[in-house]
PDB file of N, CA and C in Angstrom:
ATOM      1  N   MET A   1      76.657  40.327 110.902  1.00  0.00           N
ATOM      2  CA  MET A   1      77.334  41.007 109.849  1.00  0.00           C
ATOM      3  C   MET A   1      76.589  42.290 109.452  1.00  0.00           C
ATOM      4  N   ALA A   2      75.293  42.195 109.334  1.00  0.00           N
ATOM      5  CA  ALA A   2      74.494  43.365 109.013  1.00  0.00           C
ATOM      6  C   ALA A   2      74.576  44.375 110.155  1.00  0.00           C
ATOM      7  N   GLN A   3      74.605  43.875 111.363  1.00  0.00           N
ATOM      8  CA  GLN A   3      74.710  44.768 112.512  1.00  0.00           C
ATOM      9  C   GLN A   3      76.093  45.422 112.534  1.00  0.00           C
ATOM     10  N   ASN A   4      77.083  44.710 112.125  1.00  0.00           N
ATOM     11  CA  ASN A   4      78.444  45.223 112.061  1.00  0.00           C
ATOM     12  C   ASN A   4      78.534  46.356 111.033  1.00  0.00           C
ATOM     13  N   LYS A   5      77.836  46.197 109.893  1.00  0.00           N
ATOM     14  CA  LYS A   5      77.812  47.247 108.874  1.00  0.00           C
ATOM     15  C   LYS A   5      77.080  48.479 109.396  1.00  0.00           C
ATOM     16  N   ARG A   6      75.988  48.246 110.130  1.00  0.00           N
ATOM     17  CA  ARG A   6      75.250  49.367 110.709  1.00  0.00           C
ATOM     18  C   ARG A   6      76.105  50.133 111.710  1.00  0.00           C
ATOM     19  N   GLN A   7      76.854  49.415 112.506  1.00  0.00           N
ATOM     20  CA  GLN A   7      77.719  50.073 113.492  1.00  0.00           C
ATOM     21  C   GLN A   7      78.801  50.892 112.783  1.00  0.00           C
ATOM     22  N   LYS A   8      79.368  50.330 111.707  1.00  0.00           N
ATOM     23  CA  LYS A   8      80.381  51.061 110.951  1.00  0.00           C
ATOM     24  C   LYS A   8      79.766  52.301 110.292  1.00  0.00           C
ATOM     25  N   ARG A   9      78.558  52.127 109.742  1.00  0.00           N
ATOM     26  CA  ARG A   9      77.870  53.233 109.098  1.00  0.00           C
ATOM     27  C   ARG A   9      77.520  54.311 110.135  1.00  0.00           C
ATOM     28  N   ARG A  10      77.058  53.891 111.292  1.00  0.00           N
ATOM     29  CA  ARG A  10      76.726  54.825 112.366  1.00  0.00           C
ATOM     30  C   ARG A  10      77.985  55.550 112.843  1.00  0.00           C
ATOM     31  N   LYS A  11      79.079  54.799 112.979  1.00  0.00           N
ATOM     32  CA  LYS A  11      80.344  55.400 113.407  1.00  0.00           C
ATOM     33  C   LYS A  11      80.814  56.410 112.357  1.00  0.00           C
ATOM     34  N   PHE A  12      80.698  56.054 111.083  1.00  0.00           N
ATOM     35  CA  PHE A  12      81.073  56.949 110.002  1.00  0.00           C
ATOM     36  C   PHE A  12      80.181  58.192 110.002  1.00  0.00           C
ATOM     37  N   SER A  13      78.900  57.995 110.225  1.00  0.00           N
ATOM     38  CA  SER A  13      77.966  59.125 110.279  1.00  0.00           C
ATOM     39  C   SER A  13      78.287  60.046 111.450  1.00  0.00           C
ATOM     40  N   MET A  14      78.639  59.509 112.574  1.00  0.00           N
ATOM     41  CA  MET A  14      78.999  60.314 113.740  1.00  0.00           C
ATOM     42  C   MET A  14      80.270  61.116 113.465  1.00  0.00           C
ATOM     43  N   ILE A  15      81.246  60.479 112.836  1.00  0.00           N
ATOM     44  CA  ILE A  15      82.488  61.178 112.499  1.00  0.00           C
ATOM     45  C   ILE A  15      82.178  62.311 111.521  1.00  0.00           C
ATOM     46  N   TYR A  16      81.351  62.027 110.538  1.00  0.00           N
ATOM     47  CA  TYR A  16      80.946  63.013 109.553  1.00  0.00           C
ATOM     48  C   TYR A  16      80.215  64.178 110.234  1.00  0.00           C
ATOM     49  N   LEU A  17      79.328  63.854 111.158  1.00  0.00           N
ATOM     50  CA  LEU A  17      78.580  64.870 111.893  1.00  0.00           C
ATOM     51  C   LEU A  17      79.524  65.732 112.738  1.00  0.00           C
ATOM     52  N   VAL A  18      80.473  65.125 113.397  1.00  0.00           N
ATOM     53  CA  VAL A  18      81.436  65.858 114.225  1.00  0.00           C
ATOM     54  C   VAL A  18      82.271  66.789 113.344  1.00  0.00           C
ATOM     55  N   ILE A  19      82.702  66.290 112.191  1.00  0.00           N
ATOM     56  CA  ILE A  19      83.482  67.131 111.276  1.00  0.00           C
ATOM     57  C   ILE A  19      82.654  68.340 110.843  1.00  0.00           C
ATOM     58  N   TRP A  20      81.393  68.122 110.482  1.00  0.00           N
ATOM     59  CA  TRP A  20      80.530  69.232 110.080  1.00  0.00           C
ATOM     60  C   TRP A  20      80.314  70.223 111.221  1.00  0.00           C
ATOM     61  N   LEU A  21      80.117  69.704 112.411  1.00  0.00           N
ATOM     62  CA  LEU A  21      79.924  70.596 113.564  1.00  0.00           C
ATOM     63  C   LEU A  21      81.175  71.432 113.836  1.00  0.00           C
ATOM     64  N   VAL A  22      82.342  70.811 113.699  1.00  0.00           N
ATOM     65  CA  VAL A  22      83.598  71.546 113.894  1.00  0.00           C
ATOM     66  C   VAL A  22      83.731  72.630 112.831  1.00  0.00           C
ATOM     67  N   LEU A  23      83.434  72.276 111.574  1.00  0.00           N
ATOM     68  CA  LEU A  23      83.523  73.262 110.495  1.00  0.00           C
ATOM     69  C   LEU A  23      82.527  74.401 110.699  1.00  0.00           C
ATOM     70  N   ILE A  24      81.328  74.084 111.105  1.00  0.00           N
ATOM     71  CA  ILE A  24      80.327  75.129 111.373  1.00  0.00           C
ATOM     72  C   ILE A  24      80.778  76.005 112.543  1.00  0.00           C
ATOM     73  N   GLY A  25      81.332  75.390 113.569  1.00  0.00           N
ATOM     74  CA  GLY A  25      81.846  76.152 114.716  1.00  0.00           C
ATOM     75  C   GLY A  25      82.980  77.078 114.315  1.00  0.00           C
ATOM     76  N   LEU A  26      83.903  76.579 113.492  1.00  0.00           N
ATOM     77  CA  LEU A  26      85.006  77.414 113.023  1.00  0.00           C
ATOM     78  C   LEU A  26      84.490  78.551 112.143  1.00  0.00           C
ATOM     79  N   GLY A  27      83.527  78.250 111.298  1.00  0.00           N
ATOM     80  CA  GLY A  27      82.937  79.289 110.460  1.00  0.00           C
ATOM     81  C   GLY A  27      82.245  80.350 111.299  1.00  0.00           C
ATOM     82  N   GLY A  28      81.532  79.922 112.332  1.00  0.00           N
ATOM     83  CA  GLY A  28      80.871  80.873 113.231  1.00  0.00           C
ATOM     84  C   GLY A  28      81.878  81.744 113.969  1.00  0.00           C
ATOM     85  N   ALA A  29      82.953  81.121 114.434  1.00  0.00           N
ATOM     86  CA  ALA A  29      83.988  81.884 115.138  1.00  0.00           C
ATOM     87  C   ALA A  29      84.635  82.894 114.194  1.00  0.00           C
ATOM     88  N   PHE A  30      84.902  82.480 112.965  1.00  0.00           N
ATOM     89  CA  PHE A  30      85.475  83.392 111.972  1.00  0.00           C
ATOM     90  C   PHE A  30      84.509  84.542 111.692  1.00  0.00           C
ATOM     91  N   PHE A  31      83.240  84.232 111.565  1.00  0.00           N
ATOM     92  CA  PHE A  31      82.225  85.248 111.296  1.00  0.00           C
ATOM     93  C   PHE A  31      82.159  86.259 112.433  1.00  0.00           C
ATOM     94  N   ILE A  32      82.145  85.789 113.658  1.00  0.00           N
ATOM     95  CA  ILE A  32      82.096  86.678 114.823  1.00  0.00           C
ATOM     96  C   ILE A  32      83.349  87.549 114.874  1.00  0.00           C
ATOM     97  N   THR A  33      84.501  86.972 114.567  1.00  0.00           N
ATOM     98  CA  THR A  33      85.749  87.739 114.541  1.00  0.00           C
ATOM     99  C   THR A  33      85.678  88.845 113.493  1.00  0.00           C
ATOM    100  N   GLN A  34      85.134  88.517 112.337  1.00  0.00           N
ATOM    101  CA  GLN A  34      85.027  89.506 111.274  1.00  0.00           C
ATOM    102  C   GLN A  34      84.046  90.627 111.640  1.00  0.00           C
ATOM    103  N   ILE A  35      82.953  90.285 112.282  1.00  0.00           N
ATOM    104  CA  ILE A  35      81.982  91.297 112.723  1.00  0.00           C
ATOM    105  C   ILE A  35      82.627  92.235 113.739  1.00  0.00           C
ATOM    106  N   THR A  36      83.380  91.680 114.666  1.00  0.00           N
ATOM    107  CA  THR A  36      84.071  92.495 115.670  1.00  0.00           C
ATOM    108  C   THR A  36      85.074  93.423 115.002  1.00  0.00           C
ATOM    109  N   ARG A  37      85.834  92.896 114.074  1.00  0.00           N
ATOM    110  CA  ARG A  37      86.830  93.703 113.360  1.00  0.00           C
ATOM    111  C   ARG A  37      86.144  94.814 112.549  1.00  0.00           C
ATOM    112  N   TYR A  38      85.036  94.475 111.913  1.00  0.00           N
ATOM    113  CA  TYR A  38      84.280  95.466 111.148  1.00  0.00           C
ATOM    114  C   TYR A  38      83.807  96.604 112.052  1.00  0.00           C
ATOM    115  N   ASN A  39      83.294  96.261 113.220  1.00  0.00           N
ATOM    116  CA  ASN A  39      82.823  97.286 114.163  1.00  0.00           C
ATOM    117  C   ASN A  39      83.966  98.177 114.619  1.00  0.00           C
ATOM    118  N   GLU A  40      85.139  97.580 114.885  1.00  0.00           N
ATOM    119  CA  GLU A  40      86.301  98.368 115.294  1.00  0.00           C
ATOM    120  C   GLU A  40      86.721  99.323 114.179  1.00  0.00           C
ATOM    121  N   LEU A  41      86.788  98.813 112.955  1.00  0.00           N
ATOM    122  CA  LEU A  41      87.190  99.646 111.823  1.00  0.00           C
ATOM    123  C   LEU A  41      86.159 100.732 111.535  1.00  0.00           C
ATOM    124  N   SER A  42      84.897 100.408 111.727  1.00  0.00           N
ATOM    125  CA  SER A  42      83.839 101.396 111.514  1.00  0.00           C
ATOM    126  C   SER A  42      83.965 102.536 112.526  1.00  0.00           C
ATOM    127  N   ALA A  43      84.248 102.197 113.777  1.00  0.00           N
ATOM    128  CA  ALA A  43      84.431 103.225 114.809  1.00  0.00           C
ATOM    129  C   ALA A  43      85.666 104.076 114.499  1.00  0.00           C
ATOM    130  N   THR A  44      86.735 103.443 114.057  1.00  0.00           N
ATOM    131  CA  THR A  44      87.949 104.174 113.690  1.00  0.00           C
ATOM    132  C   THR A  44      87.685 105.108 112.519  1.00  0.00           C
ATOM    133  N   LEU A  45      86.920 104.632 111.544  1.00  0.00           N
ATOM    134  CA  LEU A  45      86.583 105.464 110.390  1.00  0.00           C
ATOM    135  C   LEU A  45      85.756 106.677 110.815  1.00  0.00           C
ATOM    136  N   SER A  46      84.803 106.468 111.695  1.00  0.00           N
ATOM    137  CA  SER A  46      83.976 107.584 112.178  1.00  0.00           C
ATOM    138  C   SER A  46      84.834 108.624 112.896  1.00  0.00           C
ATOM    139  N   GLN A  47      85.744 108.153 113.730  1.00  0.00           N
ATOM    140  CA  GLN A  47      86.619 109.068 114.461  1.00  0.00           C
ATOM    141  C   GLN A  47      87.545 109.810 113.499  1.00  0.00           C
ATOM    142  N   THR A  48      88.063 109.098 112.512  1.00  0.00           N
ATOM    143  CA  THR A  48      88.943 109.719 111.528  1.00  0.00           C
ATOM    144  C   THR A  48      88.200 110.768 110.719  1.00  0.00           C
ATOM    145  N   ASN A  49      86.963 110.478 110.340  1.00  0.00           N
ATOM    146  CA  ASN A  49      86.159 111.462 109.602  1.00  0.00           C
ATOM    147  C   ASN A  49      85.873 112.698 110.443  1.00  0.00           C
ATOM    148  N   ALA A  50      85.602 112.494 111.728  1.00  0.00           N
ATOM    149  CA  ALA A  50      85.369 113.632 112.622  1.00  0.00           C
ATOM    150  C   ALA A  50      86.635 114.479 112.744  1.00  0.00           C
ATOM    151  N   ASN A  51      87.789 113.816 112.878  1.00  0.00           N
ATOM    152  CA  ASN A  51      89.059 114.548 112.952  1.00  0.00           C
ATOM    153  C   ASN A  51      89.320 115.300 111.653  1.00  0.00           C
ATOM    154  N   LEU A  52      89.018 114.669 110.537  1.00  0.00           N
ATOM    155  CA  LEU A  52      89.211 115.312 109.235  1.00  0.00           C
ATOM    156  C   LEU A  52      88.359 116.565 109.108  1.00  0.00           C
ATOM    157  N   GLU A  53      87.112 116.483 109.520  1.00  0.00           N
ATOM    158  CA  GLU A  53      86.230 117.656 109.464  1.00  0.00           C
ATOM    159  C   GLU A  53      86.736 118.775 110.366  1.00  0.00           C
ATOM    160  N   ARG A  54      87.210 118.415 111.555  1.00  0.00           N
ATOM    161  CA  ARG A  54      87.753 119.416 112.475  1.00  0.00           C
ATOM    162  C   ARG A  54      88.980 120.093 111.863  1.00  0.00           C
ATOM    163  N   GLU A  55      89.861 119.311 111.276  1.00  0.00           N
ATOM    164  CA  GLU A  55      91.064 119.861 110.661  1.00  0.00           C
ATOM    165  C   GLU A  55      90.725 120.719 109.444  1.00  0.00           C
ATOM    166  N   ARG A  56      89.713 120.319 108.683  1.00  0.00           N
ATOM    167  CA  ARG A  56      89.284 121.142 107.549  1.00  0.00           C
ATOM    168  C   ARG A  56      88.750 122.488 108.023  1.00  0.00           C
ATOM    169  N   SER A  57      88.016 122.484 109.126  1.00  0.00           N
ATOM    170  CA  SER A  57      87.489 123.725 109.681  1.00  0.00           C
ATOM    171  C   SER A  57      88.627 124.635 110.145  1.00  0.00           C
ATOM    172  N   ILE A  58      89.597 124.059 110.822  1.00  0.00           N
ATOM    173  CA  ILE A  58      90.767 124.832 111.272  1.00  0.00           C
ATOM    174  C   ILE A  58      91.520 125.386 110.064  1.00  0.00           C
ATOM    175  N   ASN A  59      91.675 124.549 109.045  1.00  0.00           N
ATOM    176  CA  ASN A  59      92.367 124.975 107.835  1.00  0.00           C
ATOM    177  C   ASN A  59      91.642 126.139 107.163  1.00  0.00           C
ATOM    178  N   GLN A  60      90.324 126.061 107.123  1.00  0.00           N
ATOM    179  CA  GLN A  60      89.530 127.139 106.531  1.00  0.00           C
ATOM    180  C   GLN A  60      89.705 128.436 107.327  1.00  0.00           C
ATOM    181  N   ASP A  61      89.685 128.329 108.655  1.00  0.00           N
ATOM    182  CA  ASP A  61      89.887 129.510 109.499  1.00  0.00           C
ATOM    183  C   ASP A  61      91.267 130.126 109.255  1.00  0.00           C
ATOM    184  N   LEU A  62      92.281 129.276 109.154  1.00  0.00           N
ATOM    185  CA  LEU A  62      93.629 129.781 108.910  1.00  0.00           C
ATOM    186  C   LEU A  62      93.741 130.427 107.530  1.00  0.00           C
ATOM    187  N   TYR A  63      93.059 129.872 106.558  1.00  0.00           N
ATOM    188  CA  TYR A  63      93.062 130.457 105.222  1.00  0.00           C
ATOM    189  C   TYR A  63      92.433 131.858 105.245  1.00  0.00           C
ATOM    190  N   ILE A  64      91.323 131.990 105.961  1.00  0.00           N
ATOM    191  CA  ILE A  64      90.659 133.296 106.077  1.00  0.00           C
ATOM    192  C   ILE A  64      91.571 134.299 106.785  1.00  0.00           C
ATOM    193  N   GLN A  65      92.242 133.856 107.854  1.00  0.00           N
ATOM    194  CA  GLN A  65      93.173 134.737 108.562  1.00  0.00           C
ATOM    195  C   GLN A  65      94.319 135.171 107.651  1.00  0.00           C
ATOM    196  N   ARG A  66      94.844 134.218 106.877  1.00  0.00           N
ATOM    197  CA  ARG A  66      95.939 134.550 105.972  1.00  0.00           C
ATOM    198  C   ARG A  66      95.504 135.578 104.936  1.00  0.00           C
ATOM    199  N   GLU A  67      94.296 135.399 104.428  1.00  0.00           N
ATOM    200  CA  GLU A  67      93.780 136.366 103.464  1.00  0.00           C
ATOM    201  C   GLU A  67      93.665 137.750 104.102  1.00  0.00           C
ATOM    202  N   PHE A  68      93.218 137.802 105.352  1.00  0.00           N
ATOM    203  CA  PHE A  68      93.091 139.087 106.049  1.00  0.00           C
ATOM    204  C   PHE A  68      94.464 139.701 106.303  1.00  0.00           C
ATOM    205  N   PHE A  69      95.425 138.875 106.734  1.00  0.00           N
ATOM    206  CA  PHE A  69      96.756 139.388 107.025  1.00  0.00           C
ATOM    207  C   PHE A  69      97.464 139.889 105.767  1.00  0.00           C
ATOM    208  N   ASP A  70      97.099 139.387 104.616  1.00  0.00           N
ATOM    209  CA  ASP A  70      97.678 139.846 103.353  1.00  0.00           C
ATOM    210  C   ASP A  70      96.953 141.070 102.791  1.00  0.00           C
ATOM    211  N   SER A  71      95.881 141.495 103.427  1.00  0.00           N
ATOM    212  CA  SER A  71      95.081 142.605 102.882  1.00  0.00           C
ATOM    213  C   SER A  71      95.688 143.958 103.238  1.00  0.00           C
ATOM    214  N   ASP A  72      95.356 144.937 102.411  1.00  0.00           N
ATOM    215  CA  ASP A  72      95.817 146.310 102.658  1.00  0.00           C
ATOM    216  C   ASP A  72      95.209 146.874 103.933  1.00  0.00           C
ATOM    217  N   ALA A  73      93.978 146.476 104.251  1.00  0.00           N
ATOM    218  CA  ALA A  73      93.316 146.975 105.459  1.00  0.00           C
ATOM    219  C   ALA A  73      94.091 146.557 106.709  1.00  0.00           C
ATOM    220  N   TYR A  74      94.584 145.328 106.756  1.00  0.00           N
ATOM    221  CA  TYR A  74      95.347 144.862 107.919  1.00  0.00           C
ATOM    222  C   TYR A  74      96.679 145.598 108.010  1.00  0.00           C
ATOM    223  N   ILE A  75      97.330 145.751 106.883  1.00  0.00           N
ATOM    224  CA  ILE A  75      98.626 146.432 106.879  1.00  0.00           C
ATOM    225  C   ILE A  75      98.464 147.883 107.355  1.00  0.00           C
ATOM    226  N   GLU A  76      97.411 148.529 106.889  1.00  0.00           N
ATOM    227  CA  GLU A  76      97.155 149.907 107.327  1.00  0.00           C
ATOM    228  C   GLU A  76      96.861 149.963 108.820  1.00  0.00           C
ATOM    229  N   ARG A  77      96.073 149.033 109.313  1.00  0.00           N
ATOM    230  CA  ARG A  77      95.737 149.009 110.741  1.00  0.00           C
ATOM    231  C   ARG A  77      96.984 148.841 111.597  1.00  0.00           C
ATOM    232  N   ILE A  78      97.863 147.936 111.206  1.00  0.00           N
ATOM    233  CA  ILE A  78      99.102 147.719 111.963  1.00  0.00           C
ATOM    234  C   ILE A  78      99.988 148.964 111.892  1.00  0.00           C
ATOM    235  N   ALA A  79     100.063 149.562 110.715  1.00  0.00           N
ATOM    236  CA  ALA A  79     100.880 150.776 110.568  1.00  0.00           C
ATOM    237  C   ALA A  79     100.362 151.896 111.465  1.00  0.00           C
ATOM    238  N   ARG A  80      99.056 152.017 111.577  1.00  0.00           N
ATOM    239  CA  ARG A  80      98.480 153.079 112.420  1.00  0.00           C
ATOM    240  C   ARG A  80      98.632 152.750 113.905  1.00  0.00           C
ATOM    241  N   GLU A  81      98.267 151.506 114.300  1.00  0.00           N
ATOM    242  CA  GLU A  81      98.243 151.157 115.731  1.00  0.00           C
ATOM    243  C   GLU A  81      99.639 150.978 116.308  1.00  0.00           C
ATOM    244  N   ARG A  82     100.492 150.263 115.644  1.00  0.00           N
ATOM    245  CA  ARG A  82     101.798 149.931 116.226  1.00  0.00           C
ATOM    246  C   ARG A  82     102.901 150.925 115.865  1.00  0.00           C
ATOM    247  N   LEU A  83     102.816 151.452 114.672  1.00  0.00           N
ATOM    248  CA  LEU A  83     103.885 152.337 114.227  1.00  0.00           C
ATOM    249  C   LEU A  83     103.515 153.810 114.299  1.00  0.00           C
ATOM    250  N   GLY A  84     102.236 154.101 114.561  1.00  0.00           N
ATOM    251  CA  GLY A  84     101.796 155.486 114.696  1.00  0.00           C
ATOM    252  C   GLY A  84     101.826 156.254 113.384  1.00  0.00           C
ATOM    253  N   MET A  85     101.755 155.574 112.291  1.00  0.00           N
ATOM    254  CA  MET A  85     101.806 156.234 110.983  1.00  0.00           C
ATOM    255  C   MET A  85     100.438 156.834 110.651  1.00  0.00           C
ATOM    256  N   VAL A  86     100.468 157.893 109.819  1.00  0.00           N
ATOM    257  CA  VAL A  86      99.247 158.547 109.361  1.00  0.00           C
ATOM    258  C   VAL A  86      99.357 158.770 107.857  1.00  0.00           C
ATOM    259  N   ARG A  87      98.227 159.011 107.232  1.00  0.00           N
ATOM    260  CA  ARG A  87      98.215 159.304 105.791  1.00  0.00           C
ATOM    261  C   ARG A  87      98.663 160.758 105.580  1.00  0.00           C
ATOM    262  N   PRO A  88      99.184 161.035 104.403  1.00  0.00           N
ATOM    263  CA  PRO A  88      99.563 162.432 104.122  1.00  0.00           C
ATOM    264  C   PRO A  88      98.323 163.338 104.207  1.00  0.00           C
ATOM    265  N   ASN A  89      98.501 164.520 104.693  1.00  0.00           N
ATOM    266  CA  ASN A  89      97.453 165.535 104.850  1.00  0.00           C
ATOM    267  C   ASN A  89      96.348 165.103 105.820  1.00  0.00           C
ATOM    268  N   GLU A  90      96.617 164.121 106.664  1.00  0.00           N
ATOM    269  CA  GLU A  90      95.633 163.662 107.651  1.00  0.00           C
ATOM    270  C   GLU A  90      95.902 164.410 108.952  1.00  0.00           C
ATOM    271  N   ILE A  91      94.845 164.865 109.588  1.00  0.00           N
ATOM    272  CA  ILE A  91      94.982 165.587 110.849  1.00  0.00           C
ATOM    273  C   ILE A  91      94.778 164.591 111.978  1.00  0.00           C
ATOM    274  N   VAL A  92      95.726 164.587 112.889  1.00  0.00           N
ATOM    275  CA  VAL A  92      95.681 163.646 114.007  1.00  0.00           C
ATOM    276  C   VAL A  92      95.364 164.421 115.267  1.00  0.00           C
ATOM    277  N   PHE A  93      94.394 163.955 116.020  1.00  0.00           N
ATOM    278  CA  PHE A  93      94.029 164.555 117.295  1.00  0.00           C
ATOM    279  C   PHE A  93      94.508 163.624 118.398  1.00  0.00           C
ATOM    280  N   ARG A  94      95.218 164.172 119.350  1.00  0.00           N
ATOM    281  CA  ARG A  94      95.714 163.361 120.469  1.00  0.00           C
ATOM    282  C   ARG A  94      95.137 163.905 121.761  1.00  0.00           C
ATOM    283  N   ASN A  95      94.797 163.001 122.632  1.00  0.00           N
ATOM    284  CA  ASN A  95      94.281 163.376 123.945  1.00  0.00           C
ATOM    285  C   ASN A  95      95.480 163.548 124.858  1.00  0.00           C
ATOM    286  N   THR A  96      95.825 164.730 125.129  1.00  0.00           N
ATOM    287  CA  THR A  96      96.996 165.002 125.968  1.00  0.00           C
ATOM    288  C   THR A  96      96.701 164.795 127.448  1.00  0.00           C
ATOM    289  N   ALA A  97      95.446 164.767 127.808  1.00  0.00           N
ATOM    290  CA  ALA A  97      95.089 164.555 129.207  1.00  0.00           C
ATOM    291  C   ALA A  97      95.380 163.125 129.637  1.00  0.00           C
ATOM    292  N   ALA A  98      95.348 162.185 128.714  1.00  0.00           N
ATOM    293  CA  ALA A  98      95.587 160.787 129.039  1.00  0.00           C
ATOM    294  C   ALA A  98      97.079 160.500 129.212  1.00  0.00           C
ATOM    295  N   ASP A  99      97.954 161.364 128.664  1.00  0.00           N
ATOM    296  CA  ASP A  99      99.404 161.128 128.729  1.00  0.00           C
ATOM    297  C   ASP A  99      99.956 161.404 130.058  1.00  0.00           C
TER     298      ASP A  99
END
């Protein structure tokens, strides 16, 4: 009878041990999954930040260009180069040998 109780207790202890091992295994698997997901998200975040910085740089360049294109100096340059305009009382010298 005492041996029968020991066998039941041992069987119960083994079942308890197996349950704990399964729970620890599941917890470990969950932990590893979370670490993998964290690494993936971290890499995505780094790439997104790099893209954001690149786009900010492009945006800054475009802003500078827009400011230049809105300036009087640019408008005057285009008027002189493309339209051949001159200021009043300005003397224009042309190289007739090149024509």
